[in-house]
């Protein structure tokens, strides 16, 4: 379950990152003040995807080492995937 949630999380982050780059390059404004300076560049996907990969790796490592943390990791990634799914759908509706 954690593997599927992790891959989905990274996938949604990638979709969100590339949608952001496309949108900013086509006249939309990035509302996140931390990401706004790099939103239309190649740095934006890197800043969004690499931390997601690291988080998935870290939680998978922890869940393998301490099996009792697996339900917490599953719950956390379930919430994150649901949130990012809503963000991606919302962004697509804005286009």
PDB file of N, CA and C in Angstrom:
ATOM      1  N   UNK A   1       0.823  -1.203   0.000  1.00  0.00           N
ATOM      2  CA  UNK A   1       0.000   0.000   0.000  1.00  0.00           C
ATOM      3  C   UNK A   1       0.864   1.264   0.000  1.00  0.00           C
ATOM      4  N   UNK A   2       1.916   1.243   0.828  1.00  0.00           N
ATOM      5  CA  UNK A   2       2.780   2.418   0.924  1.00  0.00           C
ATOM      6  C   UNK A   2       3.483   2.705  -0.401  1.00  0.00           C
ATOM      7  N   UNK A   3       3.859   1.648  -1.106  1.00  0.00           N
ATOM      8  CA  UNK A   3       4.531   1.826  -2.400  1.00  0.00           C
ATOM      9  C   UNK A   3       3.607   2.515  -3.409  1.00  0.00           C
ATOM     10  N   UNK A   4       2.364   2.060  -3.473  1.00  0.00           N
ATOM     11  CA  UNK A   4       1.388   2.648  -4.401  1.00  0.00           C
ATOM     12  C   UNK A   4       1.107   4.099  -4.028  1.00  0.00           C
ATOM     13  N   UNK A   5       0.915   4.354  -2.734  1.00  0.00           N
ATOM     14  CA  UNK A   5       0.667   5.731  -2.284  1.00  0.00           C
ATOM     15  C   UNK A   5       1.869   6.624  -2.578  1.00  0.00           C
ATOM     16  N   UNK A   6       3.070   6.107  -2.356  1.00  0.00           N
ATOM     17  CA  UNK A   6       4.285   6.892  -2.623  1.00  0.00           C
ATOM     18  C   UNK A   6       4.438   7.239  -4.089  1.00  0.00           C
ATOM     19  N   UNK A   7       4.204   6.269  -4.961  1.00  0.00           N
ATOM     20  CA  UNK A   7       4.305   6.516  -6.403  1.00  0.00           C
ATOM     21  C   UNK A   7       3.227   7.506  -6.845  1.00  0.00           C
ATOM     22  N   UNK A   8       2.026   7.366  -6.288  1.00  0.00           N
ATOM     23  CA  UNK A   8       0.941   8.290  -6.625  1.00  0.00           C
ATOM     24  C   UNK A   8       1.272   9.695  -6.146  1.00  0.00           C
ATOM     25  N   UNK A   9       1.836   9.801  -4.952  1.00  0.00           N
ATOM     26  CA  UNK A   9       2.240  11.091  -4.393  1.00  0.00           C
ATOM     27  C   UNK A   9       3.266  11.772  -5.295  1.00  0.00           C
ATOM     28  N   UNK A  10       4.282  11.039  -5.690  1.00  0.00           N
ATOM     29  CA  UNK A  10       5.315  11.596  -6.581  1.00  0.00           C
ATOM     30  C   UNK A  10       4.701  11.963  -7.930  1.00  0.00           C
ATOM     31  N   UNK A  11       3.819  11.126  -8.436  1.00  0.00           N
ATOM     32  CA  UNK A  11       3.165  11.414  -9.711  1.00  0.00           C
ATOM     33  C   UNK A  11       2.343  12.691  -9.658  1.00  0.00           C
ATOM     34  N   UNK A  12       1.560  12.865  -8.595  1.00  0.00           N
ATOM     35  CA  UNK A  12       0.774  14.095  -8.453  1.00  0.00           C
ATOM     36  C   UNK A  12       1.680  15.320  -8.302  1.00  0.00           C
ATOM     37  N   UNK A  13       2.781  15.164  -7.591  1.00  0.00           N
ATOM     38  CA  UNK A  13       3.724  16.280  -7.464  1.00  0.00           C
ATOM     39  C   UNK A  13       4.292  16.652  -8.830  1.00  0.00           C
ATOM     40  N   UNK A  14       4.622  15.645  -9.633  1.00  0.00           N
ATOM     41  CA  UNK A  14       5.166  15.904 -10.968  1.00  0.00           C
ATOM     42  C   UNK A  14       4.128  16.582 -11.853  1.00  0.00           C
ATOM     43  N   UNK A  15       2.897  16.083 -11.841  1.00  0.00           N
ATOM     44  CA  UNK A  15       1.838  16.696 -12.640  1.00  0.00           C
ATOM     45  C   UNK A  15       1.623  18.142 -12.203  1.00  0.00           C
ATOM     46  N   UNK A  16       1.568  18.365 -10.895  1.00  0.00           N
ATOM     47  CA  UNK A  16       1.376  19.717 -10.379  1.00  0.00           C
ATOM     48  C   UNK A  16       2.541  20.624 -10.781  1.00  0.00           C
ATOM     49  N   UNK A  17       3.749  20.118 -10.709  1.00  0.00           N
ATOM     50  CA  UNK A  17       4.920  20.922 -11.068  1.00  0.00           C
ATOM     51  C   UNK A  17       4.902  21.321 -12.544  1.00  0.00           C
ATOM     52  N   UNK A  18       4.619  20.372 -13.416  1.00  0.00           N
ATOM     53  CA  UNK A  18       4.628  20.683 -14.840  1.00  0.00           C
ATOM     54  C   UNK A  18       3.427  21.526 -15.251  1.00  0.00           C
ATOM     55  N   UNK A  19       2.282  21.324 -14.589  1.00  0.00           N
ATOM     56  CA  UNK A  19       1.145  22.215 -14.834  1.00  0.00           C
ATOM     57  C   UNK A  19       1.470  23.642 -14.407  1.00  0.00           C
ATOM     58  N   UNK A  20       2.175  23.773 -13.292  1.00  0.00           N
ATOM     59  CA  UNK A  20       2.567  25.101 -12.810  1.00  0.00           C
ATOM     60  C   UNK A  20       3.493  25.784 -13.804  1.00  0.00           C
ATOM     61  N   UNK A  21       4.489  25.063 -14.295  1.00  0.00           N
ATOM     62  CA  UNK A  21       5.413  25.640 -15.280  1.00  0.00           C
ATOM     63  C   UNK A  21       4.646  26.072 -16.524  1.00  0.00           C
ATOM     64  N   UNK A  22       3.780  25.192 -17.013  1.00  0.00           N
ATOM     65  CA  UNK A  22       3.009  25.525 -18.206  1.00  0.00           C
ATOM     66  C   UNK A  22       2.126  26.744 -17.956  1.00  0.00           C
ATOM     67  N   UNK A  23       1.422  26.754 -16.841  1.00  0.00           N
ATOM     68  CA  UNK A  23       0.485  27.836 -16.539  1.00  0.00           C
ATOM     69  C   UNK A  23       1.200  29.177 -16.404  1.00  0.00           C
ATOM     70  N   UNK A  24       2.319  29.193 -15.694  1.00  0.00           N
ATOM     71  CA  UNK A  24       3.058  30.454 -15.514  1.00  0.00           C
ATOM     72  C   UNK A  24       3.598  30.944 -16.853  1.00  0.00           C
ATOM     73  N   UNK A  25       4.062  30.027 -17.689  1.00  0.00           N
ATOM     74  CA  UNK A  25       4.575  30.419 -19.003  1.00  0.00           C
ATOM     75  C   UNK A  25       3.463  30.841 -19.967  1.00  0.00           C
ATOM     76  N   UNK A  26       2.209  30.604 -19.594  1.00  0.00           N
ATOM     77  CA  UNK A  26       1.078  30.997 -20.431  1.00  0.00           C
ATOM     78  C   UNK A  26       0.210  32.076 -19.783  1.00  0.00           C
ATOM     79  N   UNK A  27       0.818  32.853 -18.881  1.00  0.00           N
ATOM     80  CA  UNK A  27       0.141  34.024 -18.350  1.00  0.00           C
ATOM     81  C   UNK A  27      -0.525  33.897 -16.999  1.00  0.00           C
ATOM     82  N   UNK A  28      -0.542  32.719 -16.413  1.00  0.00           N
ATOM     83  CA  UNK A  28      -1.132  32.564 -15.083  1.00  0.00           C
ATOM     84  C   UNK A  28      -0.126  33.015 -14.026  1.00  0.00           C
ATOM     85  N   UNK A  29      -0.603  33.272 -12.824  1.00  0.00           N
ATOM     86  CA  UNK A  29       0.255  33.730 -11.731  1.00  0.00           C
ATOM     87  C   UNK A  29       0.368  32.630 -10.683  1.00  0.00           C
ATOM     88  N   UNK A  30       1.576  32.377 -10.231  1.00  0.00           N
ATOM     89  CA  UNK A  30       1.797  31.425  -9.135  1.00  0.00           C
ATOM     90  C   UNK A  30       1.461  32.126  -7.830  1.00  0.00           C
ATOM     91  N   UNK A  31       0.557  31.536  -7.052  1.00  0.00           N
ATOM     92  CA  UNK A  31       0.111  32.155  -5.811  1.00  0.00           C
ATOM     93  C   UNK A  31       0.982  31.805  -4.615  1.00  0.00           C
ATOM     94  N   UNK A  32       1.763  30.746  -4.716  1.00  0.00           N
ATOM     95  CA  UNK A  32       2.652  30.356  -3.628  1.00  0.00           C
ATOM     96  C   UNK A  32       3.861  31.287  -3.629  1.00  0.00           C
ATOM     97  N   UNK A  33       4.014  32.143  -2.596  1.00  0.00           N
ATOM     98  CA  UNK A  33       5.104  33.110  -2.599  1.00  0.00           C
ATOM     99  C   UNK A  33       6.489  32.469  -2.519  1.00  0.00           C
ATOM    100  N   UNK A  34       6.583  31.260  -2.000  1.00  0.00           N
ATOM    101  CA  UNK A  34       7.883  30.595  -1.929  1.00  0.00           C
ATOM    102  C   UNK A  34       8.309  30.033  -3.283  1.00  0.00           C
ATOM    103  N   UNK A  35       7.339  29.633  -4.080  1.00  0.00           N
ATOM    104  CA  UNK A  35       7.636  29.036  -5.385  1.00  0.00           C
ATOM    105  C   UNK A  35       7.576  30.044  -6.527  1.00  0.00           C
ATOM    106  N   UNK A  36       6.954  31.184  -6.301  1.00  0.00           N
ATOM    107  CA  UNK A  36       6.741  32.170  -7.367  1.00  0.00           C
ATOM    108  C   UNK A  36       8.016  32.582  -8.105  1.00  0.00           C
ATOM    109  N   UNK A  37       9.150  32.803  -7.417  1.00  0.00           N
ATOM    110  CA  UNK A  37      10.353  33.234  -8.155  1.00  0.00           C
ATOM    111  C   UNK A  37      10.867  32.225  -9.179  1.00  0.00           C
ATOM    112  N   UNK A  38      10.582  30.931  -8.980  1.00  0.00           N
ATOM    113  CA  UNK A  38      11.104  29.914  -9.902  1.00  0.00           C
ATOM    114  C   UNK A  38       9.998  29.189 -10.655  1.00  0.00           C
ATOM    115  N   UNK A  39       8.768  29.656 -10.545  1.00  0.00           N
ATOM    116  CA  UNK A  39       7.607  28.922 -11.044  1.00  0.00           C
ATOM    117  C   UNK A  39       7.635  28.633 -12.538  1.00  0.00           C
ATOM    118  N   UNK A  40       8.158  29.488 -13.351  1.00  0.00           N
ATOM    119  CA  UNK A  40       8.143  29.263 -14.791  1.00  0.00           C
ATOM    120  C   UNK A  40       9.412  28.651 -15.335  1.00  0.00           C
ATOM    121  N   UNK A  41      10.291  28.165 -14.470  1.00  0.00           N
ATOM    122  CA  UNK A  41      11.584  27.639 -14.895  1.00  0.00           C
ATOM    123  C   UNK A  41      11.682  26.138 -14.647  1.00  0.00           C
ATOM    124  N   UNK A  42      12.798  25.551 -15.071  1.00  0.00           N
ATOM    125  CA  UNK A  42      13.034  24.132 -14.856  1.00  0.00           C
ATOM    126  C   UNK A  42      13.265  23.816 -13.387  1.00  0.00           C
ATOM    127  N   UNK A  43      13.545  24.842 -12.579  1.00  0.00           N
ATOM    128  CA  UNK A  43      13.813  24.643 -11.156  1.00  0.00           C
ATOM    129  C   UNK A  43      12.532  24.220 -10.421  1.00  0.00           C
ATOM    130  N   UNK A  44      11.394  24.692 -10.885  1.00  0.00           N
ATOM    131  CA  UNK A  44      10.124  24.408 -10.211  1.00  0.00           C
ATOM    132  C   UNK A  44       9.846  22.910 -10.077  1.00  0.00           C
ATOM    133  N   UNK A  45       9.934  22.122 -11.154  1.00  0.00           N
ATOM    134  CA  UNK A  45       9.709  20.684 -10.979  1.00  0.00           C
ATOM    135  C   UNK A  45      10.739  20.030 -10.050  1.00  0.00           C
ATOM    136  N   UNK A  46      11.967  20.486 -10.126  1.00  0.00           N
ATOM    137  CA  UNK A  46      13.005  19.921  -9.258  1.00  0.00           C
ATOM    138  C   UNK A  46      12.680  20.199  -7.798  1.00  0.00           C
ATOM    139  N   UNK A  47      12.263  21.440  -7.503  1.00  0.00           N
ATOM    140  CA  UNK A  47      11.950  21.839  -6.131  1.00  0.00           C
ATOM    141  C   UNK A  47      10.721  21.093  -5.599  1.00  0.00           C
ATOM    142  N   UNK A  48       9.835  20.671  -6.467  1.00  0.00           N
ATOM    143  CA  UNK A  48       8.639  19.963  -6.028  1.00  0.00           C
ATOM    144  C   UNK A  48       8.824  18.442  -6.018  1.00  0.00           C
ATOM    145  N   UNK A  49       9.516  17.904  -7.007  1.00  0.00           N
ATOM    146  CA  UNK A  49       9.596  16.449  -7.139  1.00  0.00           C
ATOM    147  C   UNK A  49      10.670  15.830  -6.238  1.00  0.00           C
ATOM    148  N   UNK A  50      11.843  16.438  -6.150  1.00  0.00           N
ATOM    149  CA  UNK A  50      12.912  15.852  -5.337  1.00  0.00           C
ATOM    150  C   UNK A  50      12.531  15.710  -3.865  1.00  0.00           C
ATOM    151  N   UNK A  51      11.934  16.733  -3.236  1.00  0.00           N
ATOM    152  CA  UNK A  51      11.509  16.521  -1.843  1.00  0.00           C
ATOM    153  C   UNK A  51      10.444  15.420  -1.710  1.00  0.00           C
ATOM    154  N   UNK A  52       9.587  15.284  -2.711  1.00  0.00           N
ATOM    155  CA  UNK A  52       8.577  14.222  -2.675  1.00  0.00           C
ATOM    156  C   UNK A  52       9.249  12.849  -2.727  1.00  0.00           C
ATOM    157  N   UNK A  53      10.230  12.707  -3.600  1.00  0.00           N
ATOM    158  CA  UNK A  53      10.971  11.443  -3.696  1.00  0.00           C
ATOM    159  C   UNK A  53      11.679  11.156  -2.377  1.00  0.00           C
ATOM    160  N   UNK A  54      12.305  12.171  -1.798  1.00  0.00           N
ATOM    161  CA  UNK A  54      13.000  12.003  -0.522  1.00  0.00           C
ATOM    162  C   UNK A  54      12.024  11.605   0.583  1.00  0.00           C
ATOM    163  N   UNK A  55      10.860  12.239   0.637  1.00  0.00           N
ATOM    164  CA  UNK A  55       9.860  11.921   1.668  1.00  0.00           C
ATOM    165  C   UNK A  55       9.382  10.485   1.529  1.00  0.00           C
ATOM    166  N   UNK A  56       9.107  10.050   0.307  1.00  0.00           N
ATOM    167  CA  UNK A  56       8.661   8.677   0.086  1.00  0.00           C
ATOM    168  C   UNK A  56       9.753   7.695   0.500  1.00  0.00           C
ATOM    169  N   UNK A  57      10.968   7.981   0.116  1.00  0.00           N
ATOM    170  CA  UNK A  57      12.089   7.116   0.490  1.00  0.00           C
ATOM    171  C   UNK A  57      12.239   7.043   2.010  1.00  0.00           C
ATOM    172  N   UNK A  58      12.159   8.195   2.666  1.00  0.00           N
ATOM    173  CA  UNK A  58      12.330   8.256   4.116  1.00  0.00           C
ATOM    174  C   UNK A  58      11.221   7.486   4.844  1.00  0.00           C
ATOM    175  N   UNK A  59       9.977   7.690   4.430  1.00  0.00           N
ATOM    176  CA  UNK A  59       8.867   6.986   5.071  1.00  0.00           C
ATOM    177  C   UNK A  59       8.926   5.489   4.781  1.00  0.00           C
ATOM    178  N   UNK A  60       9.311   5.092   3.582  1.00  0.00           N
ATOM    179  CA  UNK A  60       9.430   3.671   3.253  1.00  0.00           C
ATOM    180  C   UNK A  60      10.535   3.031   4.081  1.00  0.00           C
ATOM    181  N   UNK A  61      11.627   3.753   4.240  1.00  0.00           N
ATOM    182  CA  UNK A  61      12.749   3.257   5.054  1.00  0.00           C
ATOM    183  C   UNK A  61      12.307   3.086   6.508  1.00  0.00           C
ATOM    184  N   UNK A  62      11.614   4.089   7.030  1.00  0.00           N
ATOM    185  CA  UNK A  62      11.140   4.023   8.415  1.00  0.00           C
ATOM    186  C   UNK A  62      10.129   2.890   8.598  1.00  0.00           C
ATOM    187  N   UNK A  63       9.226   2.737   7.637  1.00  0.00           N
ATOM    188  CA  UNK A  63       8.215   1.678   7.734  1.00  0.00           C
ATOM    189  C   UNK A  63       8.846   0.294   7.648  1.00  0.00           C
ATOM    190  N   UNK A  64       9.939   0.178   6.917  1.00  0.00           N
ATOM    191  CA  UNK A  64      10.636  -1.102   6.851  1.00  0.00           C
ATOM    192  C   UNK A  64      11.401  -1.400   8.126  1.00  0.00           C
ATOM    193  N   UNK A  65      11.957  -0.382   8.712  1.00  0.00           N
ATOM    194  CA  UNK A  65      12.752  -0.564   9.930  1.00  0.00           C
ATOM    195  C   UNK A  65      11.873  -0.710  11.172  1.00  0.00           C
ATOM    196  N   UNK A  66      10.830   0.101  11.235  1.00  0.00           N
ATOM    197  CA  UNK A  66       9.909   0.074  12.372  1.00  0.00           C
ATOM    198  C   UNK A  66       8.507  -0.196  11.842  1.00  0.00           C
ATOM    199  N   UNK A  67       8.116  -1.451  11.762  1.00  0.00           N
ATOM    200  CA  UNK A  67       6.820  -1.803  11.157  1.00  0.00           C
ATOM    201  C   UNK A  67       5.613  -1.109  11.792  1.00  0.00           C
ATOM    202  N   UNK A  68       5.715  -0.700  13.039  1.00  0.00           N
ATOM    203  CA  UNK A  68       4.583  -0.017  13.668  1.00  0.00           C
ATOM    204  C   UNK A  68       4.330   1.359  13.066  1.00  0.00           C
ATOM    205  N   UNK A  69       5.302   1.906  12.356  1.00  0.00           N
ATOM    206  CA  UNK A  69       5.112   3.223  11.727  1.00  0.00           C
ATOM    207  C   UNK A  69       4.387   3.120  10.387  1.00  0.00           C
ATOM    208  N   UNK A  70       4.228   1.917   9.869  1.00  0.00           N
ATOM    209  CA  UNK A  70       3.602   1.735   8.561  1.00  0.00           C
ATOM    210  C   UNK A  70       2.186   2.316   8.483  1.00  0.00           C
ATOM    211  N   UNK A  71       1.314   2.090   9.482  1.00  0.00           N
ATOM    212  CA  UNK A  71      -0.022   2.690   9.396  1.00  0.00           C
ATOM    213  C   UNK A  71       0.015   4.224   9.414  1.00  0.00           C
ATOM    214  N   UNK A  72       0.956   4.785  10.138  1.00  0.00           N
ATOM    215  CA  UNK A  72       1.089   6.247  10.174  1.00  0.00           C
ATOM    216  C   UNK A  72       1.536   6.761   8.809  1.00  0.00           C
ATOM    217  N   UNK A  73       2.504   6.084   8.208  1.00  0.00           N
ATOM    218  CA  UNK A  73       2.975   6.479   6.874  1.00  0.00           C
ATOM    219  C   UNK A  73       1.849   6.332   5.849  1.00  0.00           C
ATOM    220  N   UNK A  74       1.112   5.240   5.918  1.00  0.00           N
ATOM    221  CA  UNK A  74      -0.016   5.039   4.997  1.00  0.00           C
ATOM    222  C   UNK A  74      -1.055   6.140   5.159  1.00  0.00           C
ATOM    223  N   UNK A  75      -1.392   6.459   6.398  1.00  0.00           N
ATOM    224  CA  UNK A  75      -2.385   7.511   6.641  1.00  0.00           C
ATOM    225  C   UNK A  75      -1.889   8.861   6.143  1.00  0.00           C
ATOM    226  N   UNK A  76      -0.628   9.172   6.415  1.00  0.00           N
ATOM    227  CA  UNK A  76      -0.068  10.447   5.968  1.00  0.00           C
ATOM    228  C   UNK A  76      -0.059  10.583   4.460  1.00  0.00           C
ATOM    229  N   UNK A  77       0.366   9.533   3.782  1.00  0.00           N
ATOM    230  CA  UNK A  77       0.396   9.601   2.327  1.00  0.00           C
ATOM    231  C   UNK A  77      -1.001   9.556   1.719  1.00  0.00           C
ATOM    232  N   UNK A  78      -1.948   8.905   2.396  1.00  0.00           N
ATOM    233  CA  UNK A  78      -3.327   8.927   1.914  1.00  0.00           C
ATOM    234  C   UNK A  78      -3.875  10.344   1.932  1.00  0.00           C
ATOM    235  N   UNK A  79      -3.634  11.051   3.024  1.00  0.00           N
ATOM    236  CA  UNK A  79      -4.069  12.451   3.125  1.00  0.00           C
ATOM    237  C   UNK A  79      -3.354  13.307   2.088  1.00  0.00           C
ATOM    238  N   UNK A  80      -2.041  13.116   1.953  1.00  0.00           N
ATOM    239  CA  UNK A  80      -1.269  13.915   0.993  1.00  0.00           C
ATOM    240  C   UNK A  80      -1.720  13.661  -0.439  1.00  0.00           C
ATOM    241  N   UNK A  81      -1.988  12.399  -0.780  1.00  0.00           N
ATOM    242  CA  UNK A  81      -2.441  12.059  -2.129  1.00  0.00           C
ATOM    243  C   UNK A  81      -3.822  12.652  -2.394  1.00  0.00           C
ATOM    244  N   UNK A  82      -4.702  12.590  -1.401  1.00  0.00           N
ATOM    245  CA  UNK A  82      -6.039  13.171  -1.566  1.00  0.00           C
ATOM    246  C   UNK A  82      -5.938  14.686  -1.763  1.00  0.00           C
ATOM    247  N   UNK A  83      -5.101  15.334  -0.970  1.00  0.00           N
ATOM    248  CA  UNK A  83      -4.931  16.783  -1.097  1.00  0.00           C
ATOM    249  C   UNK A  83      -4.346  17.153  -2.458  1.00  0.00           C
ATOM    250  N   UNK A  84      -3.275  16.470  -2.853  1.00  0.00           N
ATOM    251  CA  UNK A  84      -2.647  16.787  -4.143  1.00  0.00           C
ATOM    252  C   UNK A  84      -3.565  16.451  -5.310  1.00  0.00           C
ATOM    253  N   UNK A  85      -4.346  15.398  -5.169  1.00  0.00           N
ATOM    254  CA  UNK A  85      -5.325  15.088  -6.208  1.00  0.00           C
ATOM    255  C   UNK A  85      -6.329  16.218  -6.367  1.00  0.00           C
ATOM    256  N   UNK A  86      -6.779  16.766  -5.242  1.00  0.00           N
ATOM    257  CA  UNK A  86      -7.709  17.895  -5.288  1.00  0.00           C
ATOM    258  C   UNK A  86      -7.044  19.131  -5.890  1.00  0.00           C
ATOM    259  N   UNK A  87      -5.773  19.354  -5.577  1.00  0.00           N
ATOM    260  CA  UNK A  87      -5.032  20.488  -6.146  1.00  0.00           C
ATOM    261  C   UNK A  87      -4.914  20.346  -7.659  1.00  0.00           C
ATOM    262  N   UNK A  88      -4.548  19.156  -8.121  1.00  0.00           N
ATOM    263  CA  UNK A  88      -4.391  18.925  -9.561  1.00  0.00           C
ATOM    264  C   UNK A  88      -5.731  19.111 -10.282  1.00  0.00           C
ATOM    265  N   UNK A  89      -6.797  18.554  -9.728  1.00  0.00           N
ATOM    266  CA  UNK A  89      -8.129  18.719 -10.344  1.00  0.00           C
ATOM    267  C   UNK A  89      -8.517  20.180 -10.356  1.00  0.00           C
ATOM    268  N   UNK A  90      -8.285  20.877  -9.258  1.00  0.00           N
ATOM    269  CA  UNK A  90      -8.587  22.302  -9.183  1.00  0.00           C
ATOM    270  C   UNK A  90      -7.798  23.100 -10.236  1.00  0.00           C
ATOM    271  N   UNK A  91      -6.518  22.781 -10.373  1.00  0.00           N
ATOM    272  CA  UNK A  91      -5.694  23.473 -11.370  1.00  0.00           C
ATOM    273  C   UNK A  91      -6.174  23.193 -12.783  1.00  0.00           C
ATOM    274  N   UNK A  92      -6.571  21.967 -13.040  1.00  0.00           N
ATOM    275  CA  UNK A  92      -7.076  21.632 -14.376  1.00  0.00           C
ATOM    276  C   UNK A  92      -8.389  22.347 -14.661  1.00  0.00           C
ATOM    277  N   UNK A  93      -9.215  22.538 -13.641  1.00  0.00           N
ATOM    278  CA  UNK A  93     -10.490  23.254 -13.817  1.00  0.00           C
ATOM    279  C   UNK A  93     -10.251  24.746 -14.083  1.00  0.00           C
ATOM    280  N   UNK A  94      -9.144  25.283 -13.595  1.00  0.00           N
ATOM    281  CA  UNK A  94      -8.828  26.695 -13.811  1.00  0.00           C
ATOM    282  C   UNK A  94      -8.356  26.957 -15.237  1.00  0.00           C
ATOM    283  N   UNK A  95      -7.825  25.925 -15.878  1.00  0.00           N
ATOM    284  CA  UNK A  95      -7.309  26.099 -17.235  1.00  0.00           C
ATOM    285  C   UNK A  95      -8.497  26.201 -18.161  1.00  0.00           C
TER     286      UNK A  95
END
